[in-house]
Amino acid sequence: MIPNVPVTLNLLRLTMTSISLPPIPTLNTDFITDNTDIAIWDSSTTPDLICLSESYARSLNCTLRDDCTCNGAENSVHCECSHNNVEEHFHQLNKQLPVKTPAWEIRKRADGTVQAKILQMVSADFMIEFNQTIDSTTTLVQNSNCVIPHASIEGCYHCEKGAFALVSCQASSNSLAEIVCQQHSFVIPCGPTPVKSDLAFHLDSARQIFNCSVTCGDTVNHFTISGILKYVNEFHGTFKELIKGNTTNYREIRWPDLNHITDIILGWYKTLICSLILVIAALGLSYLFLQTMGWHVLKLLTRIALALLCLPLRLICRLGRCVSPNTCPQDEHYKTL
């Protein structure tokens, strides 16, 4: 289709009103490889030695390109040349694939080729026109009890990927269920055997709690989706891509959820304050206890310790007396005889 040129299809008339392609100058760049890894090469820098292929390089059939500046002297020539270290450039971490930015991603495929992934490649607006008279409608409602257990949501907020909630829908028969979570609506399949589906969300805050309803016909059930999302944006990467012109999405400058961060910090402070209060109370009670009963407790503990230390000596002395026949105490009936 061509922008602003209508196309007629039976009863419909389609018109693409606008289309936009973000400028991606990074795709029009050079790459270098050692047959194992691939790195982005700065096109403004030219290597000193140019070889058309690997076989040409092995046979030293290459072209030397230099940007030397030479000045003549009395009996010599002095030249200054720039040195481009290809190996040092190749091993830079920010140049080796995969390279990921907020607007695009370049990675190496298994076959050695380079693959570019653009998150916002094409955006287009369409206008649909149709003229038809509807005389009557037939509505068939099939009531089925759809049940979805509570689920958790995972992912990020203020990001292109978004967040996902994995739900499992079970119904008495195969049917389609309508899910409404506040301003979000979904249609997923259900069946006698639970059918799993992913619900995609694009949200602007970290802490999320959705009270959702699932409908199959006229039967309505409720479930909850909750979770805490992550913040994955990078400020320096976003500004860098905006300056280079690799993206036209100026909404990428997104701030973290300050309310959620404040709640976490206040929660930490509450825990810290409660811990300090307990420690101070324990120290105060210990001080009062030592002032009133500390000396008596100390004497009691000393006596117990001395008794435990002297107990083995007493047992040894008693055993020694029993071994000696003269000193060992005799039975009462023996003395009587």
C-alpha atoms as a PDB file:
ATOM      1  CA  MET A   1       0.000   0.000   0.000  1.00  0.00           C
ATOM      2  CA  ILE A   2       1.014   3.600  -0.671  1.00  0.00           C
ATOM      3  CA  PRO A   3       0.325   6.340   1.872  1.00  0.00           C
ATOM      4  CA  ASN A   4      -2.858   8.328   1.220  1.00  0.00           C
ATOM      5  CA  VAL A   5      -3.805   6.099  -1.735  1.00  0.00           C
ATOM      6  CA  PRO A   6      -7.078   4.237  -1.015  1.00  0.00           C
ATOM      7  CA  VAL A   7      -7.470   0.554  -1.850  1.00  0.00           C
ATOM      8  CA  THR A   8     -10.924  -0.956  -2.362  1.00  0.00           C
ATOM      9  CA  LEU A   9     -11.596  -4.526  -1.219  1.00  0.00           C
ATOM     10  CA  ASN A  10     -15.169  -5.685  -1.868  1.00  0.00           C
ATOM     11  CA  LEU A  11     -17.141  -3.775   0.776  1.00  0.00           C
ATOM     12  CA  LEU A  12     -14.123  -2.115   2.399  1.00  0.00           C
ATOM     13  CA  ARG A  13     -11.986   0.850   1.483  1.00  0.00           C
ATOM     14  CA  LEU A  14      -8.577   1.005   3.154  1.00  0.00           C
ATOM     15  CA  THR A  15      -6.379   4.095   3.288  1.00  0.00           C
ATOM     16  CA  MET A  16      -2.969   4.236   4.933  1.00  0.00           C
ATOM     17  CA  THR A  17      -2.889   7.781   6.241  1.00  0.00           C
ATOM     18  CA  SER A  18       0.679   7.809   7.577  1.00  0.00           C
ATOM     19  CA  ILE A  19       3.744   5.622   7.961  1.00  0.00           C
ATOM     20  CA  SER A  20       6.978   6.315   9.787  1.00  0.00           C
ATOM     21  CA  LEU A  21      10.333   4.532   9.809  1.00  0.00           C
ATOM     22  CA  PRO A  22      12.826   5.521  12.495  1.00  0.00           C
ATOM     23  CA  PRO A  23      16.274   6.403  11.134  1.00  0.00           C
ATOM     24  CA  ILE A  24      18.776   3.669  11.977  1.00  0.00           C
ATOM     25  CA  PRO A  25      22.186   4.766  10.645  1.00  0.00           C
ATOM     26  CA  THR A  26      23.882   2.073  12.724  1.00  0.00           C
ATOM     27  CA  LEU A  27      22.602  -0.594  10.329  1.00  0.00           C
ATOM     28  CA  ASN A  28      24.587   1.022   7.520  1.00  0.00           C
ATOM     29  CA  THR A  29      27.928   0.276   9.120  1.00  0.00           C
ATOM     30  CA  ASP A  30      30.909  -2.047   8.772  1.00  0.00           C
ATOM     31  CA  PHE A  31      31.679  -5.148  10.819  1.00  0.00           C
ATOM     32  CA  ILE A  32      34.910  -7.028  11.449  1.00  0.00           C
ATOM     33  CA  THR A  33      35.279 -10.676  12.447  1.00  0.00           C
ATOM     34  CA  ASP A  34      37.888 -13.288  13.304  1.00  0.00           C
ATOM     35  CA  ASN A  35      35.560 -16.119  12.175  1.00  0.00           C
ATOM     36  CA  THR A  36      34.469 -16.522  15.789  1.00  0.00           C
ATOM     37  CA  ASP A  37      33.346 -13.137  17.107  1.00  0.00           C
ATOM     38  CA  ILE A  38      31.969 -10.081  15.312  1.00  0.00           C
ATOM     39  CA  ALA A  39      32.495  -6.439  16.267  1.00  0.00           C
ATOM     40  CA  ILE A  40      31.311  -3.090  14.931  1.00  0.00           C
ATOM     41  CA  TRP A  41      33.970  -1.193  13.003  1.00  0.00           C
ATOM     42  CA  ASP A  42      34.153   2.583  12.993  1.00  0.00           C
ATOM     43  CA  SER A  43      33.700   3.579   9.349  1.00  0.00           C
ATOM     44  CA  SER A  44      35.630   6.811   9.886  1.00  0.00           C
ATOM     45  CA  THR A  45      38.774   4.770  10.601  1.00  0.00           C
ATOM     46  CA  THR A  46      40.533   2.993   7.727  1.00  0.00           C
ATOM     47  CA  PRO A  47      42.909   0.083   8.412  1.00  0.00           C
ATOM     48  CA  ASP A  48      46.442   0.436   7.150  1.00  0.00           C
ATOM     49  CA  LEU A  49      46.324  -2.860   5.250  1.00  0.00           C
ATOM     50  CA  ILE A  50      43.359  -3.660   2.978  1.00  0.00           C
ATOM     51  CA  CYS A  51      42.877  -7.265   1.751  1.00  0.00           C
ATOM     52  CA  LEU A  52      39.989  -8.268  -0.494  1.00  0.00           C
ATOM     53  CA  SER A  53      39.625 -11.738   1.019  1.00  0.00           C
ATOM     54  CA  GLU A  54      41.231 -14.164   3.443  1.00  0.00           C
ATOM     55  CA  SER A  55      43.103 -15.909   0.630  1.00  0.00           C
ATOM     56  CA  TYR A  56      44.513 -12.561  -0.519  1.00  0.00           C
ATOM     57  CA  ALA A  57      45.659 -11.888   3.042  1.00  0.00           C
ATOM     58  CA  ARG A  58      47.390 -15.271   3.323  1.00  0.00           C
ATOM     59  CA  SER A  59      49.244 -14.626   0.063  1.00  0.00           C
ATOM     60  CA  LEU A  60      50.052 -11.033   1.147  1.00  0.00           C
ATOM     61  CA  ASN A  61      48.219  -9.663  -1.891  1.00  0.00           C
ATOM     62  CA  CYS A  62      46.981  -6.569  -0.085  1.00  0.00           C
ATOM     63  CA  THR A  63      47.002  -2.809  -0.508  1.00  0.00           C
ATOM     64  CA  LEU A  64      48.738  -0.494   1.935  1.00  0.00           C
ATOM     65  CA  ARG A  65      46.828   2.679   2.649  1.00  0.00           C
ATOM     66  CA  ASP A  66      48.478   5.239   4.837  1.00  0.00           C
ATOM     67  CA  ASP A  67      47.776   8.802   5.831  1.00  0.00           C
ATOM     68  CA  CYS A  68      51.348   9.753   6.528  1.00  0.00           C
ATOM     69  CA  THR A  69      52.519  13.346   6.444  1.00  0.00           C
ATOM     70  CA  CYS A  70      56.158  13.646   5.363  1.00  0.00           C
ATOM     71  CA  ASN A  71      58.517  16.598   5.542  1.00  0.00           C
ATOM     72  CA  GLY A  72      61.878  16.730   3.866  1.00  0.00           C
ATOM     73  CA  ALA A  73      65.085  17.638   5.657  1.00  0.00           C
ATOM     74  CA  GLU A  74      68.671  18.114   4.423  1.00  0.00           C
ATOM     75  CA  ASN A  75      69.494  14.453   3.919  1.00  0.00           C
ATOM     76  CA  SER A  76      66.401  12.638   5.356  1.00  0.00           C
ATOM     77  CA  VAL A  77      62.633  12.599   5.327  1.00  0.00           C
ATOM     78  CA  HIS A  78      60.555  12.745   8.501  1.00  0.00           C
ATOM     79  CA  CYS A  79      57.063  11.168   8.314  1.00  0.00           C
ATOM     80  CA  GLU A  80      54.245  11.065  10.838  1.00  0.00           C
ATOM     81  CA  CYS A  81      51.638   8.304  10.394  1.00  0.00           C
ATOM     82  CA  SER A  82      48.555   7.393  12.379  1.00  0.00           C
ATOM     83  CA  HIS A  83      48.482   3.879  13.777  1.00  0.00           C
ATOM     84  CA  ASN A  84      45.156   2.040  13.823  1.00  0.00           C
ATOM     85  CA  ASN A  85      45.279  -0.930  16.163  1.00  0.00           C
ATOM     86  CA  VAL A  86      42.644  -3.258  14.712  1.00  0.00           C
ATOM     87  CA  GLU A  87      43.022  -5.885  17.438  1.00  0.00           C
ATOM     88  CA  GLU A  88      42.561  -3.371  20.240  1.00  0.00           C
ATOM     89  CA  HIS A  89      39.456  -1.989  18.543  1.00  0.00           C
ATOM     90  CA  PHE A  90      38.090  -5.492  17.968  1.00  0.00           C
ATOM     91  CA  HIS A  91      38.361  -6.506  21.632  1.00  0.00           C
ATOM     92  CA  GLN A  92      36.483  -3.477  22.979  1.00  0.00           C
ATOM     93  CA  LEU A  93      33.478  -4.766  24.916  1.00  0.00           C
ATOM     94  CA  ASN A  94      31.139  -2.053  23.682  1.00  0.00           C
ATOM     95  CA  LYS A  95      31.910  -2.975  20.059  1.00  0.00           C
ATOM     96  CA  GLN A  96      31.535  -6.758  20.158  1.00  0.00           C
ATOM     97  CA  LEU A  97      28.195  -8.331  19.357  1.00  0.00           C
ATOM     98  CA  PRO A  98      25.659  -8.570  20.804  1.00  0.00           C
ATOM     99  CA  VAL A  99      25.219  -4.800  21.164  1.00  0.00           C
ATOM    100  CA  LYS A 100      21.960  -3.696  22.753  1.00  0.00           C
ATOM    101  CA  THR A 101      20.537  -0.187  23.094  1.00  0.00           C
ATOM    102  CA  PRO A 102      17.087   1.068  24.102  1.00  0.00           C
ATOM    103  CA  ALA A 103      16.134   1.446  20.409  1.00  0.00           C
ATOM    104  CA  TRP A 104      17.763  -1.528  18.628  1.00  0.00           C
ATOM    105  CA  GLU A 105      19.786  -4.681  19.118  1.00  0.00           C
ATOM    106  CA  ILE A 106      22.442  -6.268  16.895  1.00  0.00           C
ATOM    107  CA  ARG A 107      23.478  -9.868  17.499  1.00  0.00           C
ATOM    108  CA  LYS A 108      25.328 -12.691  15.778  1.00  0.00           C
ATOM    109  CA  ARG A 109      23.319 -15.618  14.453  1.00  0.00           C
ATOM    110  CA  ALA A 110      24.370 -19.267  14.546  1.00  0.00           C
ATOM    111  CA  ASP A 111      25.343 -19.231  10.853  1.00  0.00           C
ATOM    112  CA  GLY A 112      27.732 -16.288  11.382  1.00  0.00           C
ATOM    113  CA  THR A 113      25.498 -13.580   9.911  1.00  0.00           C
ATOM    114  CA  VAL A 114      24.486 -10.371  11.667  1.00  0.00           C
ATOM    115  CA  GLN A 115      20.894  -9.906  12.777  1.00  0.00           C
ATOM    116  CA  ALA A 116      19.353  -6.556  13.721  1.00  0.00           C
ATOM    117  CA  LYS A 117      16.303  -6.357  15.959  1.00  0.00           C
ATOM    118  CA  ILE A 118      14.461  -3.036  16.008  1.00  0.00           C
ATOM    119  CA  LEU A 119      11.863  -2.600  18.715  1.00  0.00           C
ATOM    120  CA  GLN A 120       9.971   0.157  16.911  1.00  0.00           C
ATOM    121  CA  MET A 121      10.479  -0.482  13.246  1.00  0.00           C
ATOM    122  CA  VAL A 122       7.266   0.628  11.569  1.00  0.00           C
ATOM    123  CA  SER A 123       4.248   2.556  12.737  1.00  0.00           C
ATOM    124  CA  ALA A 124       1.309   3.166  10.432  1.00  0.00           C
ATOM    125  CA  ASP A 125      -2.232   4.537  10.671  1.00  0.00           C
ATOM    126  CA  PHE A 126      -5.089   3.112   8.629  1.00  0.00           C
ATOM    127  CA  MET A 127      -8.549   4.430   7.893  1.00  0.00           C
ATOM    128  CA  ILE A 128     -11.270   1.858   7.126  1.00  0.00           C
ATOM    129  CA  GLU A 129     -14.483   2.819   5.346  1.00  0.00           C
ATOM    130  CA  PHE A 130     -17.394   0.492   4.612  1.00  0.00           C
ATOM    131  CA  ASN A 131     -21.026   0.936   3.617  1.00  0.00           C
ATOM    132  CA  GLN A 132     -23.421  -1.882   4.395  1.00  0.00           C
ATOM    133  CA  THR A 133     -26.860  -2.175   5.912  1.00  0.00           C
ATOM    134  CA  ILE A 134     -27.377  -4.764   8.633  1.00  0.00           C
ATOM    135  CA  ASP A 135     -31.006  -5.882   8.797  1.00  0.00           C
ATOM    136  CA  SER A 136     -30.849  -8.371  11.645  1.00  0.00           C
ATOM    137  CA  THR A 137     -28.415  -9.969  14.050  1.00  0.00           C
ATOM    138  CA  THR A 138     -28.413 -13.339  15.755  1.00  0.00           C
ATOM    139  CA  THR A 139     -26.814 -13.708  19.160  1.00  0.00           C
ATOM    140  CA  LEU A 140     -25.909 -17.140  20.486  1.00  0.00           C
ATOM    141  CA  VAL A 141     -24.848 -17.195  24.129  1.00  0.00           C
ATOM    142  CA  GLN A 142     -23.225 -20.350  25.475  1.00  0.00           C
ATOM    143  CA  ASN A 143     -22.924 -20.307  29.248  1.00  0.00           C
ATOM    144  CA  SER A 144     -19.845 -22.012  30.618  1.00  0.00           C
ATOM    145  CA  ASN A 145     -18.247 -21.674  34.023  1.00  0.00           C
ATOM    146  CA  CYS A 146     -14.681 -20.376  33.463  1.00  0.00           C
ATOM    147  CA  VAL A 147     -12.290 -20.376  36.410  1.00  0.00           C
ATOM    148  CA  ILE A 148      -8.847 -18.737  36.550  1.00  0.00           C
ATOM    149  CA  PRO A 149      -6.715 -18.963  39.729  1.00  0.00           C
ATOM    150  CA  HIS A 150      -4.795 -16.002  41.093  1.00  0.00           C
ATOM    151  CA  ALA A 151      -1.661 -15.195  39.092  1.00  0.00           C
ATOM    152  CA  SER A 152       1.478 -13.096  39.431  1.00  0.00           C
ATOM    153  CA  ILE A 153       2.760 -10.514  36.981  1.00  0.00           C
ATOM    154  CA  GLU A 154       6.445 -10.301  36.036  1.00  0.00           C
ATOM    155  CA  GLY A 155       8.496  -8.046  33.800  1.00  0.00           C
ATOM    156  CA  CYS A 156       9.337  -4.355  33.689  1.00  0.00           C
ATOM    157  CA  TYR A 157       7.516  -1.034  33.630  1.00  0.00           C
ATOM    158  CA  HIS A 158       8.293   1.934  31.389  1.00  0.00           C
ATOM    159  CA  CYS A 159       9.832  -0.489  28.881  1.00  0.00           C
ATOM    160  CA  GLU A 160       9.092  -1.780  25.405  1.00  0.00           C
ATOM    161  CA  LYS A 161       8.916  -5.439  26.432  1.00  0.00           C
ATOM    162  CA  GLY A 162       6.312  -4.829  29.108  1.00  0.00           C
ATOM    163  CA  ALA A 163       5.031  -7.240  31.725  1.00  0.00           C
ATOM    164  CA  PHE A 164       3.358 -10.628  31.386  1.00  0.00           C
ATOM    165  CA  ALA A 165       0.993 -12.649  33.541  1.00  0.00           C
ATOM    166  CA  LEU A 166       0.668 -16.383  32.911  1.00  0.00           C
ATOM    167  CA  VAL A 167      -2.923 -17.477  33.570  1.00  0.00           C
ATOM    168  CA  SER A 168      -4.566 -20.881  33.311  1.00  0.00           C
ATOM    169  CA  CYS A 169      -8.226 -20.988  32.265  1.00  0.00           C
ATOM    170  CA  GLN A 170     -10.421 -24.021  32.888  1.00  0.00           C
ATOM    171  CA  ALA A 171     -14.035 -24.351  31.756  1.00  0.00           C
ATOM    172  CA  SER A 172     -16.685 -27.031  31.512  1.00  0.00           C
ATOM    173  CA  SER A 173     -16.378 -26.995  27.703  1.00  0.00           C
ATOM    174  CA  ASN A 174     -14.130 -25.525  25.032  1.00  0.00           C
ATOM    175  CA  SER A 175     -14.906 -21.820  24.779  1.00  0.00           C
ATOM    176  CA  LEU A 176     -13.427 -18.337  24.690  1.00  0.00           C
ATOM    177  CA  ALA A 177     -13.214 -16.322  27.895  1.00  0.00           C
ATOM    178  CA  GLU A 178     -13.292 -12.541  28.140  1.00  0.00           C
ATOM    179  CA  ILE A 179     -10.978 -11.090  30.781  1.00  0.00           C
ATOM    180  CA  VAL A 180     -11.335  -7.515  32.021  1.00  0.00           C
ATOM    181  CA  CYS A 181      -8.625  -6.093  34.307  1.00  0.00           C
ATOM    182  CA  GLN A 182      -9.625  -2.478  34.890  1.00  0.00           C
ATOM    183  CA  GLN A 183      -8.795  -0.781  31.564  1.00  0.00           C
ATOM    184  CA  HIS A 184      -7.191  -3.919  30.051  1.00  0.00           C
ATOM    185  CA  SER A 185      -9.239  -6.503  28.138  1.00  0.00           C
ATOM    186  CA  PHE A 186      -8.243  -9.913  26.765  1.00  0.00           C
ATOM    187  CA  VAL A 187      -9.824 -12.920  25.065  1.00  0.00           C
ATOM    188  CA  ILE A 188      -8.223 -16.303  25.772  1.00  0.00           C
ATOM    189  CA  PRO A 189      -9.209 -19.938  25.122  1.00  0.00           C
ATOM    190  CA  CYS A 190     -10.543 -22.196  27.878  1.00  0.00           C
ATOM    191  CA  GLY A 191     -11.252 -25.907  28.060  1.00  0.00           C
ATOM    192  CA  PRO A 192     -11.847 -28.876  30.360  1.00  0.00           C
ATOM    193  CA  THR A 193      -8.066 -29.177  30.586  1.00  0.00           C
ATOM    194  CA  PRO A 194      -6.530 -25.892  31.835  1.00  0.00           C
ATOM    195  CA  VAL A 195      -5.271 -23.785  28.929  1.00  0.00           C
ATOM    196  CA  LYS A 196      -2.341 -21.463  29.670  1.00  0.00           C
ATOM    197  CA  SER A 197      -2.138 -17.999  28.118  1.00  0.00           C
ATOM    198  CA  ASP A 198       0.083 -14.935  28.520  1.00  0.00           C
ATOM    199  CA  LEU A 199      -1.525 -11.575  29.248  1.00  0.00           C
ATOM    200  CA  ALA A 200       0.637  -8.658  28.115  1.00  0.00           C
ATOM    201  CA  PHE A 201       0.641  -5.327  29.956  1.00  0.00           C
ATOM    202  CA  HIS A 202       2.462  -2.023  29.404  1.00  0.00           C
ATOM    203  CA  LEU A 203       2.454  -0.230  32.733  1.00  0.00           C
ATOM    204  CA  ASP A 204       3.954   2.896  34.273  1.00  0.00           C
ATOM    205  CA  SER A 205       4.441   1.890  37.917  1.00  0.00           C
ATOM    206  CA  ALA A 206       6.182  -0.885  39.835  1.00  0.00           C
ATOM    207  CA  ARG A 207       3.580  -2.227  42.270  1.00  0.00           C
ATOM    208  CA  GLN A 208       0.561  -3.691  40.477  1.00  0.00           C
ATOM    209  CA  ILE A 209      -2.669  -5.255  41.770  1.00  0.00           C
ATOM    210  CA  PHE A 210      -5.473  -6.034  39.303  1.00  0.00           C
ATOM    211  CA  ASN A 211      -8.906  -7.291  40.324  1.00  0.00           C
ATOM    212  CA  CYS A 212      -9.935  -9.062  37.140  1.00  0.00           C
ATOM    213  CA  SER A 213     -13.140 -10.707  35.975  1.00  0.00           C
ATOM    214  CA  VAL A 214     -13.466 -13.642  33.579  1.00  0.00           C
ATOM    215  CA  THR A 215     -16.687 -14.198  31.648  1.00  0.00           C
ATOM    216  CA  CYS A 216     -17.878 -17.156  29.605  1.00  0.00           C
ATOM    217  CA  GLY A 217     -21.391 -16.319  28.493  1.00  0.00           C
ATOM    218  CA  ASP A 218     -23.341 -14.901  31.432  1.00  0.00           C
ATOM    219  CA  THR A 219     -21.228 -16.475  34.193  1.00  0.00           C
ATOM    220  CA  VAL A 220     -18.731 -14.102  35.816  1.00  0.00           C
ATOM    221  CA  ASN A 221     -15.850 -15.124  38.098  1.00  0.00           C
ATOM    222  CA  HIS A 222     -13.111 -13.031  39.656  1.00  0.00           C
ATOM    223  CA  PHE A 223      -9.380 -13.450  40.236  1.00  0.00           C
ATOM    224  CA  THR A 224      -6.390 -11.273  41.133  1.00  0.00           C
ATOM    225  CA  ILE A 225      -3.146 -10.484  39.307  1.00  0.00           C
ATOM    226  CA  SER A 226      -0.420  -8.889  41.433  1.00  0.00           C
ATOM    227  CA  GLY A 227       3.330  -8.375  41.477  1.00  0.00           C
ATOM    228  CA  ILE A 228       6.205  -5.899  41.548  1.00  0.00           C
ATOM    229  CA  LEU A 229       7.805  -4.928  38.232  1.00  0.00           C
ATOM    230  CA  LYS A 230      11.410  -3.970  37.541  1.00  0.00           C
ATOM    231  CA  TYR A 231      12.924  -0.772  36.158  1.00  0.00           C
ATOM    232  CA  VAL A 232      15.392  -1.536  33.348  1.00  0.00           C
ATOM    233  CA  ASN A 233      15.883   1.778  31.520  1.00  0.00           C
ATOM    234  CA  GLU A 234      19.280   3.460  31.213  1.00  0.00           C
ATOM    235  CA  PHE A 235      19.517   7.229  30.997  1.00  0.00           C
ATOM    236  CA  HIS A 236      22.930   7.457  29.313  1.00  0.00           C
ATOM    237  CA  GLY A 237      21.994   4.919  26.632  1.00  0.00           C
ATOM    238  CA  THR A 238      18.745   6.720  25.830  1.00  0.00           C
ATOM    239  CA  PHE A 239      20.375  10.139  25.481  1.00  0.00           C
ATOM    240  CA  LYS A 240      23.183   8.680  23.371  1.00  0.00           C
ATOM    241  CA  GLU A 241      20.761   7.135  20.872  1.00  0.00           C
ATOM    242  CA  LEU A 242      18.710  10.332  20.684  1.00  0.00           C
ATOM    243  CA  ILE A 243      21.824  12.369  19.901  1.00  0.00           C
ATOM    244  CA  LYS A 244      23.025   9.903  17.261  1.00  0.00           C
ATOM    245  CA  GLY A 245      19.614   9.876  15.602  1.00  0.00           C
ATOM    246  CA  ASN A 246      19.120   6.134  15.980  1.00  0.00           C
ATOM    247  CA  THR A 247      15.645   6.623  17.407  1.00  0.00           C
ATOM    248  CA  THR A 248      12.799   9.102  17.122  1.00  0.00           C
ATOM    249  CA  ASN A 249      10.911   7.895  20.177  1.00  0.00           C
ATOM    250  CA  TYR A 250      11.387  10.822  22.540  1.00  0.00           C
ATOM    251  CA  ARG A 251       9.180   9.131  25.140  1.00  0.00           C
ATOM    252  CA  GLU A 252      12.056   6.805  25.982  1.00  0.00           C
ATOM    253  CA  ILE A 253      13.147   9.237  28.713  1.00  0.00           C
ATOM    254  CA  ARG A 254      11.174   7.574  31.473  1.00  0.00           C
ATOM    255  CA  TRP A 255      11.703   8.000  35.183  1.00  0.00           C
ATOM    256  CA  PRO A 256      11.468   5.218  37.768  1.00  0.00           C
ATOM    257  CA  ASP A 257       8.491   4.857  40.075  1.00  0.00           C
ATOM    258  CA  LEU A 258       9.494   7.294  42.808  1.00  0.00           C
ATOM    259  CA  ASN A 259       6.469   6.437  44.967  1.00  0.00           C
ATOM    260  CA  HIS A 260       7.486   2.771  45.088  1.00  0.00           C
ATOM    261  CA  ILE A 261      11.099   3.683  45.896  1.00  0.00           C
ATOM    262  CA  THR A 262       9.903   6.011  48.677  1.00  0.00           C
ATOM    263  CA  ASP A 263       7.717   3.262  50.167  1.00  0.00           C
ATOM    264  CA  ILE A 264      10.677   0.860  50.211  1.00  0.00           C
ATOM    265  CA  ILE A 265      12.953   3.440  51.865  1.00  0.00           C
ATOM    266  CA  LEU A 266      10.309   4.276  54.475  1.00  0.00           C
ATOM    267  CA  GLY A 267       9.827   0.563  55.134  1.00  0.00           C
ATOM    268  CA  TRP A 268      13.555   0.203  55.760  1.00  0.00           C
ATOM    269  CA  TYR A 269      13.528   3.182  58.104  1.00  0.00           C
ATOM    270  CA  LYS A 270      10.537   1.794  60.022  1.00  0.00           C
ATOM    271  CA  THR A 271      12.344  -1.512  60.502  1.00  0.00           C
ATOM    272  CA  LEU A 272      15.514   0.299  61.584  1.00  0.00           C
ATOM    273  CA  ILE A 273      13.657   2.519  64.062  1.00  0.00           C
ATOM    274  CA  CYS A 274      11.831  -0.469  65.586  1.00  0.00           C
ATOM    275  CA  SER A 275      15.132  -2.336  65.937  1.00  0.00           C
ATOM    276  CA  LEU A 276      16.754   0.665  67.633  1.00  0.00           C
ATOM    277  CA  ILE A 277      13.833   0.974  70.064  1.00  0.00           C
ATOM    278  CA  LEU A 278      14.114  -2.718  70.986  1.00  0.00           C
ATOM    279  CA  VAL A 279      17.881  -2.426  71.494  1.00  0.00           C
ATOM    280  CA  ILE A 280      17.497   0.666  73.697  1.00  0.00           C
ATOM    281  CA  ALA A 281      14.774  -1.049  75.742  1.00  0.00           C
ATOM    282  CA  ALA A 282      16.953  -4.144  76.188  1.00  0.00           C
ATOM    283  CA  LEU A 283      19.906  -2.023  77.313  1.00  0.00           C
ATOM    284  CA  GLY A 284      17.718  -0.112  79.771  1.00  0.00           C
ATOM    285  CA  LEU A 285      16.274  -3.264  81.299  1.00  0.00           C
ATOM    286  CA  SER A 286      19.740  -4.796  81.519  1.00  0.00           C
ATOM    287  CA  TYR A 287      21.048  -1.710  83.324  1.00  0.00           C
ATOM    288  CA  LEU A 288      18.201  -1.766  85.853  1.00  0.00           C
ATOM    289  CA  PHE A 289      18.614  -5.502  86.389  1.00  0.00           C
ATOM    290  CA  LEU A 290      22.360  -5.201  87.011  1.00  0.00           C
ATOM    291  CA  GLN A 291      21.846  -2.324  89.451  1.00  0.00           C
ATOM    292  CA  THR A 292      19.354  -4.210  91.635  1.00  0.00           C
ATOM    293  CA  MET A 293      20.070  -7.936  91.361  1.00  0.00           C
ATOM    294  CA  GLY A 294      23.348  -8.033  89.536  1.00  0.00           C
ATOM    295  CA  TRP A 295      25.572  -8.643  92.622  1.00  0.00           C
ATOM    296  CA  HIS A 296      23.412 -11.482  93.961  1.00  0.00           C
ATOM    297  CA  VAL A 297      23.243 -13.158  90.581  1.00  0.00           C
ATOM    298  CA  LEU A 298      27.012 -12.825  90.208  1.00  0.00           C
ATOM    299  CA  LYS A 299      27.637 -14.527  93.582  1.00  0.00           C
ATOM    300  CA  LEU A 300      25.204 -17.308  92.717  1.00  0.00           C
ATOM    301  CA  LEU A 301      26.895 -17.921  89.382  1.00  0.00           C
ATOM    302  CA  THR A 302      30.311 -17.953  91.106  1.00  0.00           C
ATOM    303  CA  ARG A 303      29.160 -20.572  93.625  1.00  0.00           C
ATOM    304  CA  ILE A 304      27.722 -22.756  90.882  1.00  0.00           C
ATOM    305  CA  ALA A 305      30.945 -22.503  88.893  1.00  0.00           C
ATOM    306  CA  LEU A 306      33.084 -23.419  91.923  1.00  0.00           C
ATOM    307  CA  ALA A 307      30.810 -26.342  92.750  1.00  0.00           C
ATOM    308  CA  LEU A 308      31.093 -27.663  89.211  1.00  0.00           C
ATOM    309  CA  LEU A 309      34.889 -27.298  89.300  1.00  0.00           C
ATOM    310  CA  CYS A 310      35.224 -29.039  92.678  1.00  0.00           C
ATOM    311  CA  LEU A 311      32.817 -31.864  91.861  1.00  0.00           C
ATOM    312  CA  PRO A 312      35.414 -34.050  90.028  1.00  0.00           C
ATOM    313  CA  LEU A 313      37.875 -33.645  92.942  1.00  0.00           C
ATOM    314  CA  ARG A 314      35.262 -34.706  95.456  1.00  0.00           C
ATOM    315  CA  LEU A 315      34.375 -37.774  93.422  1.00  0.00           C
ATOM    316  CA  ILE A 316      38.054 -38.778  93.177  1.00  0.00           C
ATOM    317  CA  CYS A 317      38.545 -38.406  96.934  1.00  0.00           C
ATOM    318  CA  ARG A 318      35.443 -40.467  97.675  1.00  0.00           C
ATOM    319  CA  LEU A 319      36.571 -43.242  95.329  1.00  0.00           C
ATOM    320  CA  GLY A 320      40.015 -43.276  96.999  1.00  0.00           C
ATOM    321  CA  ARG A 321      38.450 -43.749 100.422  1.00  0.00           C
ATOM    322  CA  CYS A 322      36.326 -46.620  99.197  1.00  0.00           C
ATOM    323  CA  VAL A 323      39.357 -48.436  97.726  1.00  0.00           C
ATOM    324  CA  SER A 324      41.220 -48.402 101.091  1.00  0.00           C
ATOM    325  CA  PRO A 325      39.726 -51.147 103.390  1.00  0.00           C
ATOM    326  CA  ASN A 326      40.612 -49.291 106.589  1.00  0.00           C
ATOM    327  CA  THR A 327      39.022 -46.029 105.604  1.00  0.00           C
ATOM    328  CA  CYS A 328      36.083 -47.275 103.588  1.00  0.00           C
ATOM    329  CA  PRO A 329      32.861 -47.147 105.632  1.00  0.00           C
ATOM    330  CA  GLN A 330      31.540 -50.640 106.439  1.00  0.00           C
ATOM    331  CA  ASP A 331      28.018 -51.853 106.342  1.00  0.00           C
ATOM    332  CA  GLU A 332      25.884 -51.567 109.452  1.00  0.00           C
ATOM    333  CA  HIS A 333      25.259 -55.316 109.832  1.00  0.00           C
ATOM    334  CA  TYR A 334      29.009 -56.052 109.592  1.00  0.00           C
ATOM    335  CA  LYS A 335      29.710 -53.729 112.508  1.00  0.00           C
ATOM    336  CA  THR A 336      27.038 -55.483 114.575  1.00  0.00           C
ATOM    337  CA  LEU A 337      28.644 -58.879 114.090  1.00  0.00           C
END
